[in-house]
Amino acid sequence: GQIYESTAERVQRERAEQERFARLRMESGKGRGAAYTGAILLSSLLCYFIGTQKPRPPPSTSTLPLAATESPYHKTGTANLEAAWSDFVDIVGKENVSTSESDLQYHSGSEWSSYTTSPSEKPFLIVFPSTTEEVSKIVKVCYDRRIPVTGYSGGTSLEGHFSATRGGICIDFRRMDKILKLHKEDLDVIVQPALGWEYLNEELAKDGLFFPPDPGPGAQIGGMVGTGCSGTNAYRYGTMRDWVLSLTVVLADGTVMKTRQRPRKSSAGYDLTRLFIGSEGTLGLVTEATLKVTVKPKSESVAVASFPTVRDAAECVAKVVGEGIPIAAIEVLDDVQMRCINESGSTSREWKEMPTLFFKFTGTQSGVKEQIGQVQKLAKAKGSRSFGFAKSGEEAQELWSARKEALWSVMAKRRDGSDHVWTTDVAVPISRLPDIIEETKEDMAKSGLLATMVGHVGDGNFHAILLFNDRERKTAEDVVHRMVKRAVEMEGTVTGEHGVGLIKRDYLAHELGESTVDAMRKLKQAFDPLCILNCDKVVRVEKPKAGEVKPW
């Protein structure tokens, strides 16, 4: 009986142990499952967090359509900008960082720009660097803090090029205004971006040299590179693109690059120099430029011819160009413009208030004399009412001064402080010049605005200057719109030399095609992935709001 009892007890204890082990295993399995589930959830959350911190891979397409863009993300809160101010002070010194209201307004727009800046479109501060290294450090701070940057060099541009549409900071290059090195034997010069072209030519003249691009007074090399400008000498000498050998550029992340060396020709790699010319500070900031220069002509003269109509003047231009006469420049001023010059008293003589052509001749003394004779005959054949030419250097300067006073003489006609000036340009093939000038002249006359026409007509480029107030803005916009559309329909361009800025960006697709503009936007994304450099200029970087784009 005892043996049976002990055996029964042992079996009972074993069963109890088995049941306890089974319960423990079940409870342990549930715990491990919960642990596994928790680990998986934690890993998923961690991966999600890491994923949100890493930017999504760029599109695999060759172009970037506007519909595929996302709004740029910038950090322009006061705390971030104030912290950046401290960084900039460490780089350039407190005296070279400005937050004064007058400085901020001055760097937001100008009275001669066709773009009207809104109160919110101004920088938080202005930085004044003195070296490429300082510019690089400043831009690196902005890249790390996602702060928009607008470059400023001269401020003479006309299409809203330096308006701070996203706030941020402005880099003013005024302390970088030096001629670094003249290679007289190689006919090139290395300069900084805030050097004025007029001062450069004064210095080059001491060595019998000159730099041909001659835009408006006050323009500086950095801005001239940014807009791809030209001027009155473009007919003979070409545009800014033809006179830049190399550029030193600070990219959006602070990287410093040089586009090429100093030879007159090179087939080494992509032509990055020309890529940056005309990019308006949207791809990088130019801190040095190596420019070609040429020998100053031995003799120079100017002739002036007036015509009954602006079409007669334009047809004379086409004839002179067709004959291949190697003159330096051909400029046109219409009758309204000549009247403005007379009434402003900005020159020392009284002019015939008729459409007038200004010719500049350069070369040897005998060559200049021959060119004047040839042009005089052609002008007479096209119905010129008068023809006069300078007999001295002083008289030549006096005659040419009327062309350079065009914009300022119109601005002098403002009725009161509410008047604005709209200056714009287009260019067409030379054979279409008489048509577009005549049609635009008629359109301006019907508008009722004070509107003048001037231009570098030797290469098919002309300008319109319109005076208007806020009530007349719509009329001015419509005149400019029809002028631009007319140029595109004549296989021309929406801007011959002023650049795109904010005003002309929505016209690019009509001139070049959507895919070309999409390719430009892709380049912008490649060079400036955070879109901090002069955002919104040249191409749109986000979809426009309703009503922003004028119907074609």
Protein backbone atom coordinates (compact mmCIF):
# COMPACT_ATOMS: atom_id res chain seq x y z
CA GLY A 1 0.00 0.00 0.00
CA GLN A 2 2.84 2.35 0.80
CA ILE A 3 4.55 1.58 -2.52
CA TYR A 4 1.33 2.31 -4.45
CA GLU A 5 0.77 5.51 -2.48
CA SER A 6 4.33 6.76 -3.13
CA THR A 7 4.01 5.95 -6.80
CA ALA A 8 0.70 7.81 -7.07
CA GLU A 9 2.19 10.83 -5.30
CA ARG A 10 5.19 10.83 -7.66
CA VAL A 11 2.97 10.70 -10.75
CA GLN A 12 0.82 13.52 -9.37
CA ARG A 13 3.90 15.67 -8.70
CA GLU A 14 5.24 15.02 -12.25
CA ARG A 15 1.89 16.01 -13.78
CA ALA A 16 1.84 19.16 -11.66
CA GLU A 17 5.37 20.01 -12.81
CA GLN A 18 4.39 19.41 -16.44
CA GLU A 19 1.34 21.63 -16.12
CA ARG A 20 3.44 24.38 -14.42
CA PHE A 21 6.08 24.13 -17.16
CA ALA A 22 3.37 24.33 -19.83
CA ARG A 23 1.92 27.44 -18.18
CA LEU A 24 5.36 29.07 -17.92
CA ARG A 25 6.10 28.27 -21.55
CA MET A 26 2.79 29.76 -22.64
CA GLU A 27 3.32 32.91 -20.58
CA SER A 28 6.91 33.17 -21.78
CA GLY A 29 5.76 32.83 -25.41
CA LYS A 30 3.27 35.63 -24.94
CA GLY A 31 6.00 37.86 -23.44
CA ARG A 32 8.44 37.15 -26.22
CA GLY A 33 5.71 37.87 -28.79
CA ALA A 34 5.01 41.17 -27.13
CA ALA A 35 8.73 41.93 -27.03
CA TYR A 36 9.11 41.00 -30.69
CA THR A 37 6.11 43.17 -31.58
CA GLY A 38 7.50 46.09 -29.58
CA ALA A 39 10.89 45.73 -31.23
CA ILE A 40 9.34 45.73 -34.68
CA LEU A 41 7.23 48.80 -33.88
CA LEU A 42 10.24 50.63 -32.42
CA SER A 43 12.36 49.79 -35.49
CA SER A 44 9.59 50.99 -37.80
CA LEU A 45 9.26 54.29 -35.97
CA LEU A 46 13.03 54.76 -36.02
CA CYS A 47 13.21 54.05 -39.76
CA TYR A 48 10.34 56.46 -40.38
CA PHE A 49 12.11 59.20 -38.41
CA ILE A 50 15.35 58.65 -40.31
CA GLY A 51 13.43 58.70 -43.57
CA THR A 52 11.86 62.07 -42.78
CA GLN A 53 15.30 63.56 -42.14
CA LYS A 54 16.73 62.36 -45.45
CA PRO A 55 15.54 64.19 -48.60
CA ARG A 56 13.76 62.09 -51.15
CA PRO A 57 15.86 61.09 -54.17
CA PRO A 58 15.71 63.53 -57.09
CA PRO A 59 13.51 62.72 -60.08
CA SER A 60 15.12 60.52 -62.71
CA THR A 61 13.93 62.74 -65.60
CA SER A 62 16.17 64.96 -67.71
CA THR A 63 13.97 68.01 -67.18
CA LEU A 64 11.89 69.42 -64.33
CA PRO A 65 8.37 70.47 -65.36
CA LEU A 66 6.74 73.11 -63.22
CA ALA A 67 3.99 70.68 -62.25
CA ALA A 68 6.59 68.40 -60.63
CA THR A 69 8.11 71.10 -58.41
CA GLU A 70 7.56 71.52 -54.69
CA SER A 71 7.60 74.84 -52.85
CA PRO A 72 11.08 75.69 -51.52
CA TYR A 73 11.48 75.31 -47.77
CA HIS A 74 13.36 78.20 -46.17
CA LYS A 75 13.94 79.08 -42.52
CA THR A 76 13.35 82.83 -42.33
CA GLY A 77 12.13 83.03 -38.76
CA THR A 78 13.57 85.85 -36.65
CA ALA A 79 15.49 83.51 -34.32
CA ASN A 80 17.30 81.79 -37.22
CA LEU A 81 18.13 85.09 -38.93
CA GLU A 82 19.38 86.67 -35.72
CA ALA A 83 21.61 83.65 -35.11
CA ALA A 84 22.92 84.01 -38.67
CA TRP A 85 23.65 87.70 -37.98
CA SER A 86 26.05 86.59 -35.26
CA ASP A 87 27.73 84.18 -37.71
CA PHE A 88 28.14 86.95 -40.30
CA VAL A 89 29.62 89.33 -37.71
CA ASP A 90 32.24 86.67 -36.94
CA ILE A 91 33.08 86.45 -40.67
CA VAL A 92 33.17 90.11 -41.81
CA GLY A 93 32.96 92.21 -38.63
CA LYS A 94 29.99 94.04 -37.15
CA GLU A 95 30.64 97.17 -39.21
CA ASN A 96 30.06 95.16 -42.41
CA VAL A 97 26.62 93.81 -41.50
CA SER A 98 23.70 96.24 -41.78
CA THR A 99 20.10 96.03 -40.61
CA SER A 100 19.28 99.73 -41.06
CA GLU A 101 15.89 100.33 -42.68
CA SER A 102 17.35 102.65 -45.32
CA ASP A 103 19.84 99.96 -46.40
CA LEU A 104 17.12 97.32 -46.54
CA GLN A 105 14.88 99.53 -48.71
CA TYR A 106 17.77 100.49 -51.00
CA HIS A 107 18.56 96.82 -51.63
CA SER A 108 14.93 95.86 -52.33
CA GLY A 109 14.32 97.67 -55.62
CA SER A 110 14.79 100.91 -57.53
CA GLU A 111 12.72 103.70 -59.05
CA TRP A 112 13.81 102.68 -62.56
CA SER A 113 12.90 99.00 -62.20
CA SER A 114 9.78 97.77 -63.98
CA TYR A 115 8.97 95.50 -61.00
CA THR A 116 7.08 97.03 -58.09
CA THR A 117 8.37 95.52 -54.86
CA SER A 118 5.87 94.64 -52.14
CA PRO A 119 6.61 95.70 -48.52
CA SER A 120 7.43 92.10 -47.54
CA GLU A 121 10.03 91.69 -50.29
CA LYS A 122 13.09 93.01 -48.54
CA PRO A 123 16.10 91.34 -46.95
CA PHE A 124 16.54 90.93 -43.19
CA LEU A 125 20.10 92.21 -43.38
CA ILE A 126 22.89 93.22 -45.78
CA VAL A 127 26.39 91.68 -45.65
CA PHE A 128 29.42 93.37 -47.23
CA PRO A 129 32.22 90.81 -47.86
CA SER A 130 35.66 91.74 -49.19
CA THR A 131 37.03 88.39 -50.44
CA THR A 132 35.92 85.21 -52.17
CA GLU A 133 36.64 83.32 -48.95
CA GLU A 134 34.26 85.54 -46.97
CA VAL A 135 31.54 85.09 -49.60
CA SER A 136 32.00 81.33 -49.39
CA LYS A 137 31.67 81.33 -45.59
CA ILE A 138 28.56 83.55 -45.73
CA VAL A 139 26.87 81.33 -48.29
CA LYS A 140 27.79 78.20 -46.30
CA VAL A 141 26.00 79.67 -43.26
CA CYS A 142 22.93 80.38 -45.41
CA TYR A 143 23.00 76.87 -46.88
CA ASP A 144 23.20 75.22 -43.46
CA ARG A 145 20.44 77.47 -42.09
CA ARG A 146 18.32 77.40 -45.31
CA ILE A 147 18.33 81.19 -45.64
CA PRO A 148 17.63 82.77 -49.08
CA VAL A 149 20.44 84.87 -50.61
CA THR A 150 20.25 87.72 -53.12
CA GLY A 151 23.43 89.08 -54.71
CA TYR A 152 23.78 92.83 -55.34
CA SER A 153 26.28 94.49 -57.66
CA GLY A 154 25.43 97.98 -58.92
CA GLY A 155 21.65 97.70 -58.74
CA THR A 156 21.04 99.18 -62.22
CA SER A 157 19.04 96.19 -63.52
CA LEU A 158 15.50 96.80 -64.72
CA GLU A 159 13.35 93.66 -64.48
CA GLY A 160 13.19 93.01 -60.71
CA HIS A 161 16.46 91.08 -60.63
CA PHE A 162 17.42 91.78 -57.02
CA SER A 163 14.03 91.95 -55.30
CA ALA A 164 14.15 89.75 -52.20
CA THR A 165 10.99 87.75 -52.94
CA ARG A 166 11.77 85.27 -50.15
CA GLY A 167 13.33 87.67 -47.65
CA GLY A 168 16.59 86.26 -46.32
CA ILE A 169 19.81 88.22 -46.73
CA CYS A 170 21.49 90.34 -49.41
CA ILE A 171 25.20 90.10 -50.23
CA ASP A 172 26.42 93.49 -51.47
CA PHE A 173 29.79 93.26 -53.23
CA ARG A 174 30.67 96.97 -52.95
CA ARG A 175 33.91 96.24 -51.04
CA MET A 176 35.05 93.97 -53.90
CA ASP A 177 35.68 96.68 -56.52
CA LYS A 178 39.29 96.24 -57.55
CA ILE A 179 41.27 95.55 -60.71
CA LEU A 180 43.32 92.58 -59.52
CA LYS A 181 45.65 92.08 -62.49
CA LEU A 182 46.05 93.47 -66.01
CA HIS A 183 47.81 91.21 -68.52
CA LYS A 184 48.49 93.85 -71.16
CA GLU A 185 50.41 91.49 -73.43
CA ASP A 186 47.58 88.93 -73.31
CA LEU A 187 44.80 91.54 -73.60
CA ASP A 188 42.92 90.40 -70.51
CA VAL A 189 42.21 91.74 -67.02
CA ILE A 190 41.08 90.10 -63.75
CA VAL A 191 38.54 92.14 -61.79
CA GLN A 192 36.15 91.92 -58.84
CA PRO A 193 32.35 92.10 -59.26
CA ALA A 194 31.71 95.62 -57.92
CA LEU A 195 34.09 97.29 -60.38
CA GLY A 196 32.24 99.72 -62.65
CA TRP A 197 32.78 99.38 -66.39
CA GLU A 198 33.31 103.13 -66.73
CA TYR A 199 36.14 103.20 -64.18
CA LEU A 200 37.63 100.08 -65.77
CA ASN A 201 37.79 101.85 -69.12
CA GLU A 202 39.37 104.94 -67.57
CA GLU A 203 42.17 102.76 -66.22
CA LEU A 204 42.54 100.72 -69.41
CA ALA A 205 42.78 103.89 -71.50
CA LYS A 206 46.10 104.67 -69.80
CA ASP A 207 47.49 101.65 -71.67
CA GLY A 208 45.62 102.30 -74.92
CA LEU A 209 43.06 99.55 -74.22
CA PHE A 210 39.30 99.35 -73.64
CA PHE A 211 36.51 96.97 -72.62
CA PRO A 212 33.66 97.24 -75.18
CA PRO A 213 30.40 96.29 -73.32
CA ASP A 214 28.80 99.61 -72.28
CA PRO A 215 25.40 99.26 -70.58
CA GLY A 216 23.81 102.03 -68.52
CA PRO A 217 25.85 104.35 -66.29
CA GLY A 218 26.64 102.83 -62.89
CA ALA A 219 26.57 99.21 -64.02
CA GLN A 220 29.17 96.93 -62.43
CA ILE A 221 30.88 93.81 -63.73
CA GLY A 222 29.02 91.36 -61.45
CA GLY A 223 25.62 92.60 -62.57
CA MET A 224 26.77 92.77 -66.19
CA VAL A 225 27.77 89.10 -66.02
CA GLY A 226 24.51 88.23 -64.26
CA THR A 227 22.27 89.75 -66.93
CA GLY A 228 24.48 88.98 -69.94
CA CYS A 229 24.30 92.67 -70.84
CA SER A 230 25.63 94.46 -73.89
CA GLY A 231 25.11 98.13 -74.80
CA THR A 232 25.67 100.49 -77.69
CA ASN A 233 28.88 98.78 -78.83
CA ALA A 234 27.25 95.36 -79.29
CA TYR A 235 26.72 95.76 -83.05
CA ARG A 236 30.49 95.87 -83.65
CA TYR A 237 31.94 94.11 -80.62
CA GLY A 238 29.29 91.67 -79.37
CA THR A 239 27.80 91.20 -75.89
CA MET A 240 29.12 90.40 -72.43
CA ARG A 241 29.22 86.71 -73.34
CA ASP A 242 31.90 87.48 -75.92
CA TRP A 243 34.19 89.31 -73.46
CA VAL A 244 34.38 86.99 -70.44
CA LEU A 245 37.16 84.39 -70.37
CA SER A 246 36.71 82.91 -66.92
CA LEU A 247 34.72 83.30 -63.70
CA THR A 248 35.32 82.47 -60.06
CA VAL A 249 31.97 81.46 -58.60
CA VAL A 250 30.70 80.59 -55.11
CA LEU A 251 28.04 77.88 -55.40
CA ALA A 252 24.95 77.48 -53.21
CA ASP A 253 26.68 75.30 -50.58
CA GLY A 254 29.74 77.59 -50.35
CA THR A 255 31.92 75.62 -52.78
CA VAL A 256 34.33 77.85 -54.72
CA MET A 257 34.98 77.01 -58.37
CA LYS A 258 36.80 78.57 -61.33
CA THR A 259 35.24 77.91 -64.72
CA ARG A 260 38.47 77.84 -66.79
CA GLN A 261 41.93 79.38 -67.26
CA ARG A 262 42.99 82.39 -69.39
CA PRO A 263 43.54 81.18 -72.97
CA ARG A 264 41.46 82.85 -75.69
CA LYS A 265 40.06 79.48 -76.76
CA SER A 266 39.49 76.13 -75.08
CA SER A 267 37.65 72.88 -75.84
CA ALA A 268 38.16 71.51 -72.33
CA GLY A 269 34.85 70.26 -70.95
CA TYR A 270 31.53 72.02 -70.58
CA ASP A 271 31.46 75.79 -71.13
CA LEU A 272 30.53 76.69 -67.56
CA THR A 273 31.63 80.28 -68.07
CA ARG A 274 28.76 80.97 -70.45
CA LEU A 275 26.38 78.98 -68.28
CA PHE A 276 26.82 81.47 -65.45
CA ILE A 277 26.65 84.53 -67.74
CA GLY A 278 23.01 85.55 -67.83
CA SER A 279 22.03 83.29 -64.91
CA GLU A 280 21.21 86.35 -62.76
CA GLY A 281 22.75 84.98 -59.57
CA THR A 282 20.46 81.94 -59.52
CA LEU A 283 23.21 79.34 -60.00
CA GLY A 284 26.12 80.93 -58.13
CA LEU A 285 27.68 84.22 -57.02
CA VAL A 286 30.50 85.64 -59.17
CA THR A 287 33.43 86.91 -57.09
CA GLU A 288 36.05 87.37 -59.85
CA ALA A 289 35.94 87.72 -63.62
CA THR A 290 38.69 87.45 -66.20
CA LEU A 291 37.72 89.75 -69.07
CA LYS A 292 39.05 90.17 -72.57
CA VAL A 293 40.08 93.69 -73.55
CA THR A 294 41.06 95.14 -76.91
CA VAL A 295 43.10 97.96 -78.37
CA LYS A 296 41.39 101.33 -78.29
CA PRO A 297 40.55 102.56 -81.84
CA LYS A 298 42.89 105.22 -83.21
CA SER A 299 40.05 107.39 -84.44
CA GLU A 300 36.38 107.79 -83.49
CA SER A 301 33.49 109.92 -84.69
CA VAL A 302 29.72 110.23 -84.40
CA ALA A 303 27.05 111.16 -86.95
CA VAL A 304 23.38 112.00 -86.43
CA ALA A 305 20.58 111.69 -89.02
CA SER A 306 16.89 112.56 -88.59
CA PHE A 307 14.00 110.95 -90.55
CA PRO A 308 10.29 111.65 -91.18
CA THR A 309 9.12 108.40 -89.54
CA VAL A 310 10.55 105.73 -87.28
CA ARG A 311 10.04 103.18 -90.08
CA ASP A 312 12.22 105.27 -92.42
CA ALA A 313 14.92 105.23 -89.76
CA ALA A 314 14.61 101.46 -89.28
CA GLU A 315 14.81 100.82 -93.03
CA CYS A 316 17.99 102.91 -93.16
CA VAL A 317 19.47 100.69 -90.44
CA ALA A 318 18.64 97.54 -92.41
CA LYS A 319 20.29 99.04 -95.49
CA VAL A 320 23.48 100.02 -93.62
CA VAL A 321 23.74 96.56 -92.06
CA GLY A 322 23.05 94.90 -95.42
CA GLU A 323 25.87 96.86 -97.05
CA GLY A 324 28.33 95.52 -94.46
CA ILE A 325 29.68 98.91 -93.43
CA PRO A 326 31.87 98.21 -90.34
CA ILE A 327 30.52 100.92 -88.05
CA ALA A 328 30.76 100.58 -84.27
CA ALA A 329 27.17 101.33 -83.27
CA ILE A 330 23.75 102.33 -84.60
CA GLU A 331 21.19 103.75 -82.15
CA VAL A 332 17.65 105.00 -82.71
CA LEU A 333 15.67 107.54 -80.65
CA ASP A 334 12.10 108.33 -81.68
CA ASP A 335 10.55 111.79 -81.86
CA VAL A 336 9.03 111.60 -78.36
CA GLN A 337 12.40 110.67 -76.90
CA MET A 338 14.11 113.57 -78.68
CA ARG A 339 11.48 115.93 -77.27
CA CYS A 340 12.09 114.60 -73.74
CA ILE A 341 15.82 115.23 -74.11
CA ASN A 342 15.20 118.80 -75.26
CA GLU A 343 12.73 119.54 -72.44
CA SER A 344 14.95 118.02 -69.75
CA GLY A 345 17.91 120.18 -70.80
CA SER A 346 20.18 117.19 -70.16
CA THR A 347 22.45 117.96 -73.13
CA SER A 348 24.06 121.19 -74.29
CA ARG A 349 22.28 121.47 -77.63
CA GLU A 350 18.77 121.59 -79.12
CA TRP A 351 17.74 118.57 -81.19
CA LYS A 352 15.31 118.10 -84.05
CA GLU A 353 12.26 116.38 -82.55
CA MET A 354 12.14 113.65 -85.18
CA PRO A 355 13.10 109.96 -85.25
CA THR A 356 16.89 110.11 -85.15
CA LEU A 357 19.71 107.66 -85.82
CA PHE A 358 23.04 107.97 -84.01
CA PHE A 359 26.03 106.34 -85.72
CA LYS A 360 29.40 105.68 -84.09
CA PHE A 361 32.44 105.13 -86.33
CA THR A 362 35.80 103.74 -85.22
CA GLY A 363 39.05 102.78 -86.96
CA THR A 364 41.71 104.72 -88.78
CA GLN A 365 41.08 108.37 -89.63
CA SER A 366 40.70 107.61 -93.34
CA GLY A 367 38.50 104.58 -92.63
CA VAL A 368 36.18 106.61 -90.41
CA LYS A 369 35.89 109.31 -93.05
CA GLU A 370 34.99 106.72 -95.68
CA GLN A 371 32.34 105.11 -93.44
CA ILE A 372 30.70 108.48 -92.76
CA GLY A 373 30.46 109.18 -96.50
CA GLN A 374 28.87 105.78 -97.19
CA VAL A 375 26.29 106.11 -94.42
CA GLN A 376 25.40 109.67 -95.47
CA LYS A 377 24.53 108.46 -98.98
CA LEU A 378 22.38 105.59 -97.65
CA ALA A 379 20.60 107.89 -95.19
CA LYS A 380 19.81 110.37 -97.94
CA ALA A 381 18.43 107.58 -100.12
CA LYS A 382 16.08 106.60 -97.27
CA GLY A 383 14.75 110.14 -96.88
CA SER A 384 16.84 111.63 -94.07
CA ARG A 385 15.94 115.25 -93.32
CA SER A 386 19.33 116.10 -91.84
CA PHE A 387 22.78 114.54 -91.44
CA GLY A 388 25.58 115.93 -89.30
CA PHE A 389 28.82 114.48 -88.01
CA ALA A 390 31.31 115.41 -85.33
CA LYS A 391 34.45 117.25 -86.36
CA SER A 392 36.23 116.75 -83.03
CA GLY A 393 36.34 114.37 -80.10
CA GLU A 394 34.49 116.84 -77.89
CA GLU A 395 31.71 117.22 -80.46
CA ALA A 396 31.47 113.43 -80.79
CA GLN A 397 30.96 113.10 -77.03
CA GLU A 398 28.33 115.85 -77.13
CA LEU A 399 26.40 114.13 -79.92
CA TRP A 400 26.55 110.70 -78.27
CA SER A 401 25.50 112.09 -74.89
CA ALA A 402 21.89 112.33 -76.09
CA ARG A 403 21.71 108.54 -76.39
CA LYS A 404 23.02 108.00 -72.86
CA GLU A 405 20.52 110.50 -71.41
CA ALA A 406 17.42 108.72 -72.76
CA LEU A 407 16.18 107.06 -69.56
CA TRP A 408 16.98 109.99 -67.28
CA SER A 409 15.25 112.48 -69.56
CA VAL A 410 12.01 110.44 -69.40
CA MET A 411 12.27 110.11 -65.63
CA ALA A 412 12.56 113.91 -65.46
CA LYS A 413 9.04 114.08 -66.99
CA ARG A 414 7.35 112.44 -64.00
CA ARG A 415 4.27 114.41 -62.99
CA ASP A 416 4.61 113.64 -59.27
CA GLY A 417 5.95 111.04 -56.85
CA SER A 418 3.30 108.48 -57.84
CA ASP A 419 4.65 108.10 -61.39
CA HIS A 420 6.69 105.02 -62.31
CA VAL A 421 9.01 104.27 -65.22
CA TRP A 422 8.86 100.95 -67.10
CA THR A 423 11.93 100.19 -69.22
CA THR A 424 11.92 97.02 -71.27
CA ASP A 425 13.52 95.57 -74.38
CA VAL A 426 13.08 92.96 -77.12
CA ALA A 427 15.11 91.96 -80.17
CA VAL A 428 14.16 90.57 -83.59
CA PRO A 429 15.94 89.48 -86.77
CA ILE A 430 17.14 92.65 -88.51
CA SER A 431 14.77 92.13 -91.48
CA ARG A 432 11.76 92.42 -89.12
CA LEU A 433 13.02 95.53 -87.33
CA PRO A 434 11.05 98.08 -89.42
CA ASP A 435 7.82 96.12 -88.85
CA ILE A 436 8.08 95.76 -85.07
CA ILE A 437 9.26 99.33 -84.53
CA GLU A 438 6.41 100.77 -86.59
CA GLU A 439 3.73 98.57 -84.97
CA THR A 440 5.02 99.22 -81.45
CA LYS A 441 5.24 102.95 -82.09
CA GLU A 442 1.57 103.01 -83.20
CA ASP A 443 0.52 100.95 -80.18
CA MET A 444 2.31 103.28 -77.76
CA ALA A 445 0.72 106.34 -79.36
CA LYS A 446 -2.78 104.83 -78.95
CA SER A 447 -2.16 104.03 -75.27
CA GLY A 448 -2.16 107.66 -74.21
CA LEU A 449 0.97 107.13 -72.11
CA LEU A 450 4.18 109.09 -72.37
CA ALA A 451 6.16 106.36 -74.12
CA THR A 452 9.46 106.57 -75.98
CA MET A 453 11.49 104.23 -78.12
CA VAL A 454 15.27 103.86 -78.10
CA GLY A 455 17.52 101.03 -79.12
CA HIS A 456 20.66 99.35 -80.37
CA VAL A 457 19.03 98.77 -83.70
CA GLY A 458 22.15 97.61 -85.49
CA ASP A 459 21.54 94.16 -84.01
CA GLY A 460 17.74 94.33 -83.97
CA ASN A 461 17.45 95.26 -80.28
CA PHE A 462 15.26 98.15 -79.12
CA HIS A 463 13.80 99.47 -75.88
CA ALA A 464 10.56 101.07 -74.77
CA ILE A 465 10.39 103.53 -71.85
CA LEU A 466 6.89 104.14 -70.46
CA LEU A 467 5.78 106.64 -67.82
CA PHE A 468 2.68 105.64 -65.83
CA ASN A 469 0.95 105.92 -62.45
CA ASP A 470 -0.95 103.27 -60.53
CA ARG A 471 -4.20 103.92 -62.43
CA GLU A 472 -2.34 103.51 -65.73
CA ARG A 473 -0.41 100.36 -64.76
CA LYS A 474 -2.77 98.00 -66.58
CA THR A 475 -2.38 100.06 -69.77
CA ALA A 476 1.42 99.94 -69.46
CA GLU A 477 1.37 96.18 -68.81
CA ASP A 478 -0.75 95.62 -71.92
CA VAL A 479 1.56 97.72 -74.12
CA VAL A 480 4.61 95.76 -72.92
CA HIS A 481 2.79 92.44 -73.28
CA ARG A 482 1.85 93.16 -76.90
CA MET A 483 5.41 94.31 -77.65
CA VAL A 484 6.86 91.07 -76.26
CA LYS A 485 4.31 88.92 -78.05
CA ARG A 486 5.02 90.76 -81.30
CA ALA A 487 8.74 90.03 -80.95
CA VAL A 488 8.20 86.31 -80.29
CA GLU A 489 5.85 86.00 -83.27
CA MET A 490 8.57 87.59 -85.43
CA GLU A 491 11.05 84.89 -84.28
CA GLY A 492 12.70 87.30 -81.88
CA THR A 493 13.47 87.26 -78.17
CA VAL A 494 11.66 88.62 -75.12
CA THR A 495 14.85 90.39 -73.99
CA GLY A 496 17.94 91.32 -75.95
CA GLU A 497 20.06 92.52 -73.02
CA HIS A 498 18.06 93.46 -69.91
CA GLY A 499 17.65 89.88 -68.73
CA VAL A 500 14.61 87.96 -67.47
CA GLY A 501 14.30 88.73 -63.76
CA LEU A 502 10.72 88.49 -62.53
CA ILE A 503 9.01 90.38 -65.35
CA LYS A 504 9.94 88.21 -68.36
CA ARG A 505 10.08 84.69 -66.83
CA ASP A 506 6.57 83.65 -67.91
CA TYR A 507 7.32 84.61 -71.52
CA LEU A 508 10.27 82.21 -71.84
CA ALA A 509 8.14 79.17 -72.64
CA HIS A 510 6.51 81.03 -75.56
CA GLU A 511 9.91 81.91 -76.99
CA LEU A 512 11.87 78.74 -76.21
CA GLY A 513 9.30 76.02 -75.57
CA GLU A 514 8.23 74.31 -72.33
CA SER A 515 10.89 71.59 -72.49
CA THR A 516 13.70 74.15 -72.75
CA VAL A 517 12.45 76.03 -69.70
CA ASP A 518 12.05 72.69 -67.87
CA ALA A 519 15.71 71.93 -68.67
CA MET A 520 16.70 75.33 -67.21
CA ARG A 521 14.72 74.51 -64.07
CA LYS A 522 16.59 71.20 -63.81
CA LEU A 523 19.90 73.07 -63.99
CA LYS A 524 18.70 75.36 -61.20
CA GLN A 525 17.85 72.31 -59.09
CA ALA A 526 21.26 70.73 -59.77
CA PHE A 527 23.29 73.81 -58.82
CA ASP A 528 21.00 75.05 -56.05
CA PRO A 529 19.00 72.11 -54.60
CA LEU A 530 17.66 74.14 -51.65
CA CYS A 531 16.72 77.04 -53.92
CA ILE A 532 18.40 79.72 -51.80
CA LEU A 533 20.10 81.72 -54.58
CA ASN A 534 17.98 84.59 -55.98
CA CYS A 535 14.87 82.45 -55.80
CA ASP A 536 12.05 83.01 -58.34
CA LYS A 537 14.20 84.76 -60.99
CA VAL A 538 14.58 83.47 -64.60
CA VAL A 539 12.36 80.40 -64.05
CA ARG A 540 9.53 79.72 -61.63
CA VAL A 541 10.39 77.22 -58.90
CA GLU A 542 6.81 76.60 -57.79
CA LYS A 543 3.42 76.71 -59.42
CA PRO A 544 1.95 80.23 -59.79
CA LYS A 545 -1.17 81.41 -58.00
CA ALA A 546 -4.37 82.00 -59.91
CA GLY A 547 -4.17 85.14 -62.05
CA GLU A 548 -0.38 85.58 -61.70
CA VAL A 549 0.40 84.66 -65.31
CA LYS A 550 -0.93 86.97 -68.02
CA PRO A 551 -2.86 85.13 -70.77
CA TRP A 552 -0.87 84.89 -73.99
